[in-house]
Protein backbone atom coordinates (compact mmCIF):
# COMPACT_ATOMS: atom_id res chain seq x y z
CA LYS A 1 0.07 0.00 0.00
CA LYS A 2 1.40 3.27 -1.02
CA GLY A 3 2.49 5.41 1.88
CA SER A 4 2.56 2.74 4.48
CA VAL A 5 5.52 1.23 6.21
CA LYS A 6 5.64 -2.38 7.67
CA THR A 7 8.76 -3.61 9.48
CA ILE A 8 9.93 -6.89 10.88
CA GLY A 9 8.95 -6.83 14.51
CA ASN A 10 6.78 -3.69 14.03
CA THR A 11 9.67 -1.45 15.04
CA ILE A 12 10.85 1.83 13.67
CA PRO A 13 12.53 1.31 10.20
CA LYS A 14 16.28 1.14 10.16
CA GLY A 15 16.83 0.21 6.56
CA ILE A 16 15.19 -1.43 3.61
CA CYS A 17 14.88 -5.33 3.29
CA GLY A 18 15.43 -7.12 0.00
CA THR A 19 11.67 -7.71 -0.66
CA GLY A 20 11.00 -4.13 0.31
CA LEU A 21 13.55 -2.88 -2.10
CA VAL A 22 11.98 -4.83 -4.96
CA ASP A 23 8.50 -3.40 -4.18
CA ILE A 24 9.82 0.23 -3.75
CA VAL A 25 11.78 0.14 -7.06
CA ALA A 26 8.70 -1.38 -8.85
CA GLN A 27 6.58 1.40 -7.51
CA LEU A 28 9.00 4.08 -8.40
CA LEU A 29 9.25 2.74 -11.89
CA SER A 30 5.47 2.76 -12.18
CA ASP A 31 5.35 6.34 -10.88
CA GLY A 32 8.22 7.46 -13.27
CA ALA A 33 10.38 8.48 -10.50
CA ILE A 34 13.11 6.03 -11.84
CA ASP A 35 13.62 5.91 -15.55
CA GLU A 36 14.46 2.98 -17.74
CA THR A 37 18.21 3.66 -17.18
CA GLY A 38 17.82 3.60 -13.43
CA HIS A 39 18.23 7.39 -13.04
CA MET A 40 16.49 9.22 -10.21
CA GLU A 41 16.31 13.03 -10.09
CA LYS A 42 16.70 12.96 -6.34
CA ASP A 43 16.88 10.62 -3.40
CA PHE A 44 13.60 9.28 -2.25
CA SER A 45 12.67 9.65 1.42
CA LEU A 46 10.77 6.50 2.76
CA SER A 47 10.13 6.89 6.43
CA TYR A 48 11.88 7.73 9.67
CA GLY A 49 15.12 8.82 7.99
CA VAL A 50 15.32 5.84 5.61
CA THR A 51 16.22 7.06 2.20
CA LEU A 52 16.55 5.30 -1.21
CA THR A 53 19.52 6.84 -2.96
CA GLN A 54 20.80 6.72 -6.55
CA GLU A 55 23.59 4.39 -5.39
CA ASP A 56 20.95 2.04 -3.81
CA VAL A 57 19.23 1.94 -7.27
CA ARG A 58 22.48 1.23 -9.02
CA GLU A 59 23.33 -1.62 -6.69
CA PHE A 60 19.88 -3.05 -7.14
CA GLN A 61 20.27 -2.87 -10.96
CA GLN A 62 23.61 -4.82 -10.69
CA ALA A 63 22.02 -7.48 -8.44
CA LYS A 64 18.84 -7.89 -10.49
CA SER A 65 20.83 -8.07 -13.72
CA ALA A 66 23.02 -10.73 -12.36
CA VAL A 67 20.07 -12.87 -11.11
CA CYS A 68 18.12 -12.46 -14.43
CA SER A 69 21.20 -12.99 -16.61
CA GLY A 70 22.11 -16.01 -14.56
CA ILE A 71 18.64 -17.63 -15.08
CA GLN A 72 18.78 -16.79 -18.88
CA THR A 73 22.31 -18.16 -19.19
CA LEU A 74 21.33 -21.43 -17.37
CA ILE A 75 18.28 -21.88 -19.61
CA LYS A 76 20.52 -21.37 -22.75
CA ASP A 77 23.19 -23.61 -21.38
CA ALA A 78 20.76 -26.34 -20.69
CA GLY A 79 19.48 -26.24 -24.25
CA ILE A 80 15.99 -25.64 -23.33
CA SER A 81 13.50 -22.70 -23.67
CA PHE A 82 11.43 -20.85 -21.08
CA GLU A 83 8.37 -22.82 -22.45
CA ASP A 84 10.14 -26.08 -21.30
CA VAL A 85 10.07 -24.94 -17.73
CA GLU A 86 7.04 -26.15 -15.81
CA LYS A 87 7.78 -24.42 -12.42
CA ALA A 88 10.53 -22.13 -11.21
CA TYR A 89 11.01 -22.39 -7.47
CA ILE A 90 12.19 -19.25 -5.76
CA SER A 91 13.90 -20.11 -2.51
CA GLY A 92 15.63 -18.27 0.19
CA GLY A 93 15.07 -16.36 3.36
CA PHE A 94 13.10 -13.60 1.63
CA SER A 95 11.40 -15.59 -1.02
CA GLU A 96 8.17 -16.13 0.84
CA LYS A 97 7.43 -12.42 0.93
CA LEU A 98 8.66 -11.71 -2.58
CA SER A 99 6.13 -10.28 -4.95
CA ILE A 100 6.69 -12.15 -8.24
CA LYS A 101 4.86 -9.41 -10.13
CA ASN A 102 7.23 -6.82 -8.74
CA ALA A 103 10.26 -8.96 -9.30
CA VAL A 104 9.32 -9.30 -13.07
CA LYS A 105 8.46 -5.59 -13.32
CA THR A 106 11.90 -4.65 -12.05
CA GLY A 107 13.73 -7.15 -14.20
CA LEU A 108 14.90 -9.43 -11.33
CA LEU A 109 13.02 -12.40 -12.76
CA PRO A 110 12.45 -12.97 -16.52
CA GLU A 111 8.91 -12.12 -17.73
CA GLU A 112 8.72 -15.50 -19.39
CA LEU A 113 8.71 -17.20 -16.02
CA SER A 114 6.18 -14.89 -14.33
CA SER A 115 3.29 -17.44 -14.32
CA LYS A 116 5.60 -20.34 -13.47
CA CYS A 117 7.26 -18.99 -10.39
CA VAL A 118 6.47 -20.36 -6.94
CA ALA A 119 8.11 -18.88 -3.78
CA ILE A 120 9.03 -21.22 -1.01
CA ASN A 121 10.65 -20.08 2.07
CA ASN A 122 14.22 -21.54 2.80
CA SER A 123 13.48 -24.82 0.98
CA SER A 124 17.07 -25.52 0.20
CA LEU A 125 18.18 -25.63 3.76
CA LEU A 126 15.02 -27.46 4.93
CA GLY A 127 15.24 -29.92 2.11
CA THR A 128 18.79 -30.72 2.87
CA VAL A 129 18.32 -31.16 6.60
CA LYS A 130 15.25 -33.38 5.90
CA TYR A 131 17.21 -35.41 3.37
CA ALA A 132 20.26 -35.75 5.46
CA CYS A 133 18.38 -36.72 8.65
CA GLY A 134 16.57 -39.49 6.63
CA GLU A 135 19.92 -41.28 6.02
CA ASN A 136 19.46 -41.00 2.25
CA ASP A 137 22.12 -41.59 -0.34
CA LEU A 138 23.18 -38.22 -1.99
CA SER A 139 25.30 -39.88 -4.68
CA ALA A 140 22.55 -39.76 -7.26
CA PHE A 141 22.15 -36.14 -6.82
CA LEU A 142 25.86 -35.46 -6.82
CA HIS A 143 26.36 -37.56 -9.87
CA ASN A 144 23.69 -35.51 -11.77
CA ALA A 145 24.64 -32.12 -10.44
CA GLU A 146 26.47 -29.78 -12.97
CA TYR A 147 28.54 -26.72 -12.11
CA THR A 148 28.26 -23.67 -14.47
CA ASP A 149 30.75 -20.94 -14.09
CA LEU A 150 28.59 -17.98 -15.36
CA SER A 151 31.51 -15.75 -15.90
CA SER A 152 33.06 -18.15 -18.32
CA THR A 153 29.89 -18.48 -20.52
CA ASP A 154 29.66 -16.60 -23.86
CA CYS A 155 26.38 -14.89 -23.20
CA PHE A 156 26.39 -14.02 -19.52
CA SER A 157 28.32 -10.73 -19.87
CA GLU A 158 26.22 -9.67 -22.83
CA LEU A 159 22.98 -10.47 -20.97
CA PHE A 160 24.31 -8.68 -17.91
CA ILE A 161 24.63 -5.46 -19.81
CA GLU A 162 21.21 -5.78 -21.49
CA ASN A 163 19.55 -6.51 -18.18
CA MET A 164 20.81 -3.57 -16.38
CA MET A 165 18.05 -1.50 -17.93
CA PHE A 166 14.60 -1.50 -16.30
């Protein structure tokens, strides 16, 4: 909701969390306060002395470009298309609160995955603990796992530059 602030623990804001940053940038893009290059005319005061600066937006652009470019590179490297993806699970400490719509609007997630994304809170850690406690054999997973060094791929750097724009 525009103009409202919600904090973890209902305390006075001290900064901006990751999901909050995604939502704020998406709103400022919609309002025209941030242009497609990421430029802001002035810093944006949020609440209680918390301010979104041009530097914050630039750092967000780099992070969102890296994530989106990484996804696009892995899709290409696997020799598949976005249509081949049935579900894309978004996991991590902040994933449960992530607005997929705003993540797509900002370019954090590719638009082609917008209807296929499912956010799950900390699934990688929970899954690992459950699997390890069940005395399961991880060798099948280890045998099928592949490592991709994104910096050594042909297209990552090119995609990174393209995805810097909003």
